[in-house]
Protein backbone atom coordinates (compact mmCIF):
# COMPACT_ATOMS: atom_id res chain seq x y z
CA MET A 1 0.18 -0.34 0.24
CA LEU A 2 2.64 2.56 1.17
CA SER A 3 4.79 1.38 -1.66
CA GLY A 4 2.21 2.52 -4.07
CA ILE A 5 1.20 5.59 -2.80
CA ILE A 6 5.58 6.32 -3.15
CA THR A 7 5.52 5.22 -6.66
CA THR A 8 2.44 7.75 -7.47
CA LEU A 9 3.66 10.40 -5.78
CA LEU A 10 7.12 10.04 -7.44
CA LEU A 11 5.33 9.45 -11.42
CA ILE A 12 3.45 12.78 -10.13
CA LEU A 13 6.92 14.97 -9.67
CA PHE A 14 8.08 13.33 -12.73
CA VAL A 15 5.78 14.58 -14.61
CA VAL A 16 5.35 17.96 -13.27
CA GLY A 17 9.12 17.94 -13.50
CA SER A 18 9.11 17.27 -17.25
CA ILE A 19 6.43 19.63 -17.94
CA TRP A 20 8.49 22.42 -15.86
CA VAL A 21 11.95 21.92 -17.53
CA PHE A 22 10.20 21.58 -21.41
CA SER A 23 8.07 24.77 -20.90
CA PRO A 24 8.52 27.53 -23.38
CA LYS A 25 8.91 30.37 -20.83
CA ARG A 26 12.35 28.65 -19.54
CA GLN A 27 13.91 28.35 -23.18
CA ALA A 28 15.47 31.61 -22.70
CA ALA A 29 16.74 30.90 -19.06
CA PHE A 30 17.95 27.11 -20.56
CA ASP A 31 19.71 28.83 -23.48
CA GLU A 32 21.70 31.46 -21.44
CA ALA A 33 22.94 28.39 -19.00
CA ALA A 34 24.23 26.72 -21.66
CA ARG A 35 26.03 29.18 -23.52
CA LEU A 36 27.78 30.20 -19.34
CA ALA A 37 30.73 27.59 -20.30
CA LEU A 38 31.90 29.04 -23.60
CA ASP A 39 31.26 32.88 -22.55
CA ASP A 40 34.84 34.74 -23.27
CA THR A 41 34.03 38.16 -21.50
CA PRO A 42 36.45 38.71 -18.63
CA GLU A 43 33.91 39.52 -14.98
CA LYS A 44 33.96 42.73 -13.30
CA PRO A 45 36.64 43.39 -10.58
CA LEU A 46 35.16 43.84 -7.46
């Protein structure tokens, strides 16, 4: 009984996380994060 509830909750969490990741609103933020490793601009001095 308990394992069925946990499995259902994890499945729901997976579906909600997948929807969040592939949401068009998040596209710009993920594109910016993907470019961070390739960014050659120097950081501002403190």
